[in-house]
């Protein structure tokens, strides 16, 4: 999707299982950089505090914007900033269909950001 819209994109091998922070996707052009953690499922997905903290850390060091991409059954990808996630018990996070539709932006909105 990103390549088809003029942005370079690569999937980080072993994301989530490395000893250093690594997002699922690195996306960019001359004018923008995104570090993206991807989640998909039926209606709700959880992210640990560590996952979100590492996404923020990587993004800051790399000079990229941190985003969470969420896709649910029969719903297109929606993109949220870490601060738009819901907070669950134990300081972890979640994204649900309703939350993503309310706080997220579409793929087309994301790629138009400057």
N, C-alpha and C. Protein backbone atom coordinates (compact mmCIF):
# COMPACT_ATOMS: atom_id res chain seq x y z
N UNK A 1 0.83 -1.20 0.00
CA UNK A 1 0.00 0.00 0.00
C UNK A 1 0.87 1.25 0.00
N UNK A 2 1.91 1.25 0.83
CA UNK A 2 2.76 2.44 0.91
C UNK A 2 3.53 2.65 -0.40
N UNK A 3 4.16 1.58 -0.91
CA UNK A 3 4.91 1.69 -2.17
C UNK A 3 4.01 2.18 -3.29
N UNK A 4 2.78 1.71 -3.34
CA UNK A 4 1.84 2.12 -4.38
C UNK A 4 1.47 3.60 -4.29
N UNK A 5 1.79 4.22 -3.16
CA UNK A 5 1.46 5.63 -2.95
C UNK A 5 2.71 6.50 -2.77
N UNK A 6 3.84 6.04 -3.30
CA UNK A 6 5.04 6.87 -3.33
C UNK A 6 5.89 6.89 -2.07
N UNK A 7 5.63 6.00 -1.13
CA UNK A 7 6.41 5.93 0.10
C UNK A 7 7.17 4.61 0.14
N UNK A 8 8.41 4.66 0.58
CA UNK A 8 9.18 3.44 0.78
C UNK A 8 8.69 2.77 2.07
N UNK A 9 8.73 1.45 2.08
CA UNK A 9 8.27 0.71 3.26
C UNK A 9 9.04 -0.59 3.37
N UNK A 10 9.42 -0.91 4.59
CA UNK A 10 10.06 -2.19 4.85
C UNK A 10 9.51 -2.77 6.14
N UNK A 11 9.40 -4.08 6.16
CA UNK A 11 8.95 -4.79 7.36
C UNK A 11 10.19 -5.15 8.16
N UNK A 12 10.13 -4.92 9.45
CA UNK A 12 11.26 -5.23 10.32
C UNK A 12 11.20 -6.70 10.70
N UNK A 13 12.19 -7.45 10.29
CA UNK A 13 12.24 -8.88 10.62
C UNK A 13 12.38 -9.06 12.12
N UNK A 14 11.59 -9.93 12.67
CA UNK A 14 11.69 -10.25 14.09
C UNK A 14 11.14 -9.19 15.01
N UNK A 15 10.37 -8.26 14.48
CA UNK A 15 9.79 -7.24 15.33
C UNK A 15 9.06 -7.90 16.49
N UNK A 16 9.29 -7.38 17.68
CA UNK A 16 8.66 -7.94 18.87
C UNK A 16 9.46 -9.04 19.52
N UNK A 17 10.47 -9.54 18.83
CA UNK A 17 11.28 -10.61 19.41
C UNK A 17 12.76 -10.25 19.43
N UNK A 18 13.09 -8.99 19.17
CA UNK A 18 14.49 -8.57 19.21
C UNK A 18 14.82 -8.01 20.58
N UNK A 19 16.10 -7.86 20.85
CA UNK A 19 16.52 -7.32 22.14
C UNK A 19 16.53 -5.80 22.14
N UNK A 20 16.31 -5.21 20.99
CA UNK A 20 16.25 -3.74 20.88
C UNK A 20 14.89 -3.36 20.30
N UNK A 21 14.43 -2.14 20.58
CA UNK A 21 13.14 -1.71 20.03
C UNK A 21 13.14 -1.76 18.50
N UNK A 22 12.07 -2.30 17.91
CA UNK A 22 11.94 -2.39 16.46
C UNK A 22 10.46 -2.42 16.10
N UNK A 23 9.99 -1.44 15.32
CA UNK A 23 8.58 -1.44 14.91
C UNK A 23 8.34 -2.49 13.84
N UNK A 24 7.08 -2.77 13.55
CA UNK A 24 6.74 -3.72 12.50
C UNK A 24 7.10 -3.18 11.12
N UNK A 25 6.84 -1.89 10.90
CA UNK A 25 7.10 -1.27 9.60
C UNK A 25 7.86 0.04 9.76
N UNK A 26 8.76 0.29 8.83
CA UNK A 26 9.40 1.60 8.67
C UNK A 26 8.93 2.13 7.33
N UNK A 27 8.38 3.32 7.34
CA UNK A 27 7.80 3.91 6.14
C UNK A 27 8.35 5.32 6.01
N UNK A 28 8.68 5.72 4.77
CA UNK A 28 9.15 7.08 4.63
C UNK A 28 9.33 7.57 3.22
N UNK A 29 9.56 8.87 3.17
CA UNK A 29 9.91 9.58 1.95
C UNK A 29 10.87 10.69 2.38
N UNK A 30 11.20 11.59 1.47
CA UNK A 30 12.08 12.70 1.83
C UNK A 30 11.45 13.57 2.91
N UNK A 31 10.13 13.63 2.95
CA UNK A 31 9.45 14.57 3.83
C UNK A 31 8.82 13.97 5.09
N UNK A 32 8.75 12.65 5.16
CA UNK A 32 8.08 12.06 6.32
C UNK A 32 8.64 10.68 6.63
N UNK A 33 8.57 10.31 7.91
CA UNK A 33 8.99 8.99 8.37
C UNK A 33 7.99 8.51 9.41
N UNK A 34 7.57 7.25 9.25
CA UNK A 34 6.66 6.64 10.21
C UNK A 34 7.27 5.34 10.72
N UNK A 35 7.15 5.10 12.02
CA UNK A 35 7.45 3.81 12.62
C UNK A 35 6.09 3.27 13.05
N UNK A 36 5.73 2.10 12.54
CA UNK A 36 4.37 1.60 12.72
C UNK A 36 4.36 0.22 13.36
N UNK A 37 3.56 0.08 14.39
CA UNK A 37 3.29 -1.20 15.03
C UNK A 37 1.92 -1.65 14.53
N UNK A 38 1.81 -2.86 14.00
CA UNK A 38 0.57 -3.34 13.39
C UNK A 38 -0.16 -4.33 14.29
N UNK A 39 -1.47 -4.17 14.35
CA UNK A 39 -2.32 -5.09 15.10
C UNK A 39 -3.56 -5.40 14.27
N UNK A 40 -3.98 -6.65 14.26
CA UNK A 40 -5.21 -7.00 13.56
C UNK A 40 -5.95 -8.05 14.38
N UNK A 41 -7.23 -8.12 14.15
CA UNK A 41 -8.03 -9.08 14.90
C UNK A 41 -9.50 -8.89 14.64
N UNK A 42 -10.29 -9.51 15.50
CA UNK A 42 -11.74 -9.49 15.32
C UNK A 42 -12.36 -8.20 15.84
N UNK A 43 -12.08 -7.83 17.10
CA UNK A 43 -12.72 -6.63 17.63
C UNK A 43 -11.88 -5.83 18.62
N UNK A 44 -10.85 -6.41 19.22
CA UNK A 44 -10.03 -5.68 20.20
C UNK A 44 -8.66 -6.32 20.27
N UNK A 45 -7.62 -5.49 20.32
CA UNK A 45 -6.25 -5.99 20.44
C UNK A 45 -5.55 -5.23 21.56
N UNK A 46 -4.71 -5.95 22.28
CA UNK A 46 -3.97 -5.36 23.39
C UNK A 46 -2.52 -5.14 23.00
N UNK A 47 -1.93 -4.10 23.56
CA UNK A 47 -0.50 -3.82 23.41
C UNK A 47 0.05 -3.65 24.81
N UNK A 48 1.21 -4.22 25.06
CA UNK A 48 1.81 -4.05 26.37
C UNK A 48 2.42 -2.65 26.48
N UNK A 49 2.59 -2.22 27.70
CA UNK A 49 3.26 -0.94 27.94
C UNK A 49 4.64 -0.96 27.30
N UNK A 50 5.32 -2.09 27.40
CA UNK A 50 6.65 -2.23 26.82
C UNK A 50 6.62 -2.02 25.30
N UNK A 51 5.65 -2.62 24.62
CA UNK A 51 5.53 -2.45 23.16
C UNK A 51 5.39 -0.98 22.78
N UNK A 52 4.51 -0.28 23.49
CA UNK A 52 4.26 1.12 23.18
C UNK A 52 5.47 1.98 23.54
N UNK A 53 6.08 1.72 24.70
CA UNK A 53 7.28 2.47 25.09
C UNK A 53 8.41 2.27 24.09
N UNK A 54 8.59 1.03 23.62
CA UNK A 54 9.65 0.77 22.65
C UNK A 54 9.37 1.42 21.30
N UNK A 55 8.11 1.46 20.89
CA UNK A 55 7.75 2.15 19.66
C UNK A 55 8.09 3.64 19.77
N UNK A 56 7.74 4.24 20.90
CA UNK A 56 8.05 5.65 21.13
C UNK A 56 9.55 5.88 21.15
N UNK A 57 10.30 5.01 21.84
CA UNK A 57 11.75 5.15 21.92
C UNK A 57 12.39 5.06 20.54
N UNK A 58 12.01 4.04 19.77
CA UNK A 58 12.58 3.89 18.44
C UNK A 58 12.26 5.11 17.59
N UNK A 59 11.01 5.54 17.61
CA UNK A 59 10.57 6.67 16.80
C UNK A 59 11.35 7.93 17.12
N UNK A 60 11.55 8.17 18.40
CA UNK A 60 12.30 9.36 18.82
C UNK A 60 13.74 9.29 18.32
N UNK A 61 14.39 8.16 18.50
CA UNK A 61 15.79 8.03 18.07
C UNK A 61 15.93 8.06 16.56
N UNK A 62 14.94 7.54 15.84
CA UNK A 62 15.01 7.45 14.39
C UNK A 62 14.52 8.73 13.70
N UNK A 63 13.80 9.56 14.45
CA UNK A 63 13.23 10.77 13.87
C UNK A 63 11.96 10.51 13.08
N UNK A 64 11.19 9.54 13.54
CA UNK A 64 9.96 9.15 12.86
C UNK A 64 8.76 9.41 13.76
N UNK A 65 7.59 9.48 13.16
CA UNK A 65 6.35 9.56 13.93
C UNK A 65 5.93 8.14 14.31
N UNK A 66 5.51 7.96 15.55
CA UNK A 66 5.04 6.66 16.03
C UNK A 66 3.56 6.52 15.73
N UNK A 67 3.19 5.37 15.13
CA UNK A 67 1.80 5.07 14.81
C UNK A 67 1.49 3.61 15.10
N UNK A 68 0.24 3.36 15.42
CA UNK A 68 -0.26 1.99 15.55
C UNK A 68 -1.28 1.80 14.42
N UNK A 69 -1.07 0.77 13.60
CA UNK A 69 -2.00 0.44 12.53
C UNK A 69 -2.91 -0.67 13.05
N UNK A 70 -4.20 -0.47 12.93
CA UNK A 70 -5.17 -1.46 13.41
C UNK A 70 -6.11 -1.84 12.28
N UNK A 71 -6.29 -3.14 12.12
CA UNK A 71 -7.24 -3.64 11.11
C UNK A 71 -8.09 -4.71 11.75
N UNK A 72 -9.37 -4.55 11.58
CA UNK A 72 -10.33 -5.51 12.11
C UNK A 72 -11.11 -6.11 10.97
N UNK A 73 -11.72 -7.26 11.21
CA UNK A 73 -12.50 -7.95 10.16
C UNK A 73 -13.46 -6.98 9.48
N UNK A 74 -13.40 -6.95 8.16
CA UNK A 74 -14.29 -6.13 7.34
C UNK A 74 -14.14 -4.63 7.56
N UNK A 75 -13.02 -4.17 8.11
CA UNK A 75 -12.75 -2.75 8.31
C UNK A 75 -11.35 -2.47 7.76
N UNK A 76 -11.21 -1.39 6.99
CA UNK A 76 -9.90 -1.02 6.45
C UNK A 76 -8.96 -0.61 7.58
N UNK A 77 -7.67 -0.57 7.24
CA UNK A 77 -6.66 -0.14 8.21
C UNK A 77 -6.98 1.24 8.74
N UNK A 78 -6.81 1.41 10.04
CA UNK A 78 -6.93 2.71 10.70
C UNK A 78 -5.65 2.93 11.49
N UNK A 79 -5.23 4.18 11.62
CA UNK A 79 -3.95 4.51 12.22
C UNK A 79 -4.16 5.45 13.40
N UNK A 80 -3.53 5.08 14.52
CA UNK A 80 -3.66 5.87 15.75
C UNK A 80 -2.28 6.22 16.30
N UNK A 81 -2.18 7.35 16.92
CA UNK A 81 -0.96 7.71 17.65
C UNK A 81 -1.01 6.98 19.00
N UNK A 82 0.14 6.75 19.60
CA UNK A 82 0.13 6.04 20.89
C UNK A 82 -0.77 6.68 21.93
N UNK A 83 -0.83 8.01 21.95
CA UNK A 83 -1.66 8.68 22.95
C UNK A 83 -3.16 8.52 22.69
N UNK A 84 -3.54 7.99 21.52
CA UNK A 84 -4.94 7.76 21.20
C UNK A 84 -5.43 6.37 21.59
N UNK A 85 -4.53 5.52 22.05
CA UNK A 85 -4.91 4.17 22.48
C UNK A 85 -5.70 4.22 23.77
N UNK A 86 -6.49 3.20 24.01
CA UNK A 86 -7.17 3.06 25.28
C UNK A 86 -6.19 2.50 26.30
N UNK A 87 -6.45 2.75 27.56
CA UNK A 87 -5.59 2.24 28.64
C UNK A 87 -6.35 1.16 29.39
N UNK A 88 -5.73 -0.01 29.50
CA UNK A 88 -6.35 -1.11 30.23
C UNK A 88 -5.76 -1.19 31.63
N UNK A 89 -6.21 -2.17 32.37
CA UNK A 89 -5.64 -2.38 33.71
C UNK A 89 -4.17 -2.73 33.60
N UNK A 90 -3.39 -2.35 34.58
CA UNK A 90 -1.98 -2.70 34.60
C UNK A 90 -1.12 -1.85 33.66
N UNK A 91 -1.60 -0.68 33.29
CA UNK A 91 -0.86 0.26 32.45
C UNK A 91 -0.62 -0.25 31.03
N UNK A 92 -1.33 -1.27 30.59
CA UNK A 92 -1.22 -1.70 29.21
C UNK A 92 -2.22 -0.92 28.37
N UNK A 93 -2.22 -1.19 27.08
CA UNK A 93 -3.05 -0.42 26.15
C UNK A 93 -3.91 -1.36 25.32
N UNK A 94 -4.93 -0.77 24.66
CA UNK A 94 -5.75 -1.55 23.76
C UNK A 94 -6.24 -0.67 22.62
N UNK A 95 -6.62 -1.32 21.54
CA UNK A 95 -7.32 -0.66 20.45
C UNK A 95 -8.49 -1.56 20.07
N UNK A 96 -9.67 -0.97 19.99
CA UNK A 96 -10.88 -1.69 19.61
C UNK A 96 -11.39 -1.09 18.31
N UNK A 97 -12.36 -1.76 17.69
CA UNK A 97 -12.96 -1.22 16.47
C UNK A 97 -13.54 0.17 16.74
N UNK A 98 -14.32 0.29 17.80
CA UNK A 98 -14.95 1.58 18.10
C UNK A 98 -13.92 2.67 18.36
N UNK A 99 -12.89 2.36 19.13
CA UNK A 99 -11.84 3.34 19.43
C UNK A 99 -11.10 3.75 18.15
N UNK A 100 -10.77 2.78 17.32
CA UNK A 100 -10.05 3.07 16.08
C UNK A 100 -10.89 3.95 15.15
N UNK A 101 -12.18 3.67 15.06
CA UNK A 101 -13.06 4.48 14.21
C UNK A 101 -13.20 5.90 14.75
N UNK A 102 -13.21 6.02 16.08
CA UNK A 102 -13.40 7.33 16.71
C UNK A 102 -12.12 8.17 16.68
N UNK A 103 -10.98 7.58 17.01
CA UNK A 103 -9.73 8.35 17.16
C UNK A 103 -8.74 8.17 16.03
N UNK A 104 -8.93 7.15 15.21
CA UNK A 104 -7.96 6.85 14.16
C UNK A 104 -8.18 7.65 12.89
N UNK A 105 -7.20 7.54 11.98
CA UNK A 105 -7.31 8.14 10.67
C UNK A 105 -7.12 7.05 9.62
N UNK A 106 -7.61 7.30 8.43
CA UNK A 106 -7.50 6.32 7.35
C UNK A 106 -6.10 6.30 6.76
N UNK A 107 -5.84 5.30 5.95
CA UNK A 107 -4.56 5.21 5.24
C UNK A 107 -4.34 6.45 4.39
N UNK A 108 -5.35 6.88 3.66
CA UNK A 108 -5.21 8.06 2.80
C UNK A 108 -4.90 9.31 3.62
N UNK A 109 -5.50 9.44 4.78
CA UNK A 109 -5.20 10.60 5.65
C UNK A 109 -3.76 10.52 6.16
N UNK A 110 -3.31 9.32 6.51
CA UNK A 110 -1.95 9.16 7.02
C UNK A 110 -0.92 9.56 5.97
N UNK A 111 -1.06 9.08 4.76
CA UNK A 111 -0.02 9.35 3.75
C UNK A 111 -0.02 10.80 3.29
N UNK A 112 -1.09 11.54 3.59
CA UNK A 112 -1.13 12.96 3.23
C UNK A 112 -0.54 13.85 4.31
N UNK A 113 -0.23 13.29 5.49
CA UNK A 113 0.34 14.10 6.57
C UNK A 113 1.71 14.63 6.15
N UNK A 114 1.99 15.83 6.54
CA UNK A 114 3.32 16.41 6.26
C UNK A 114 4.11 16.53 7.54
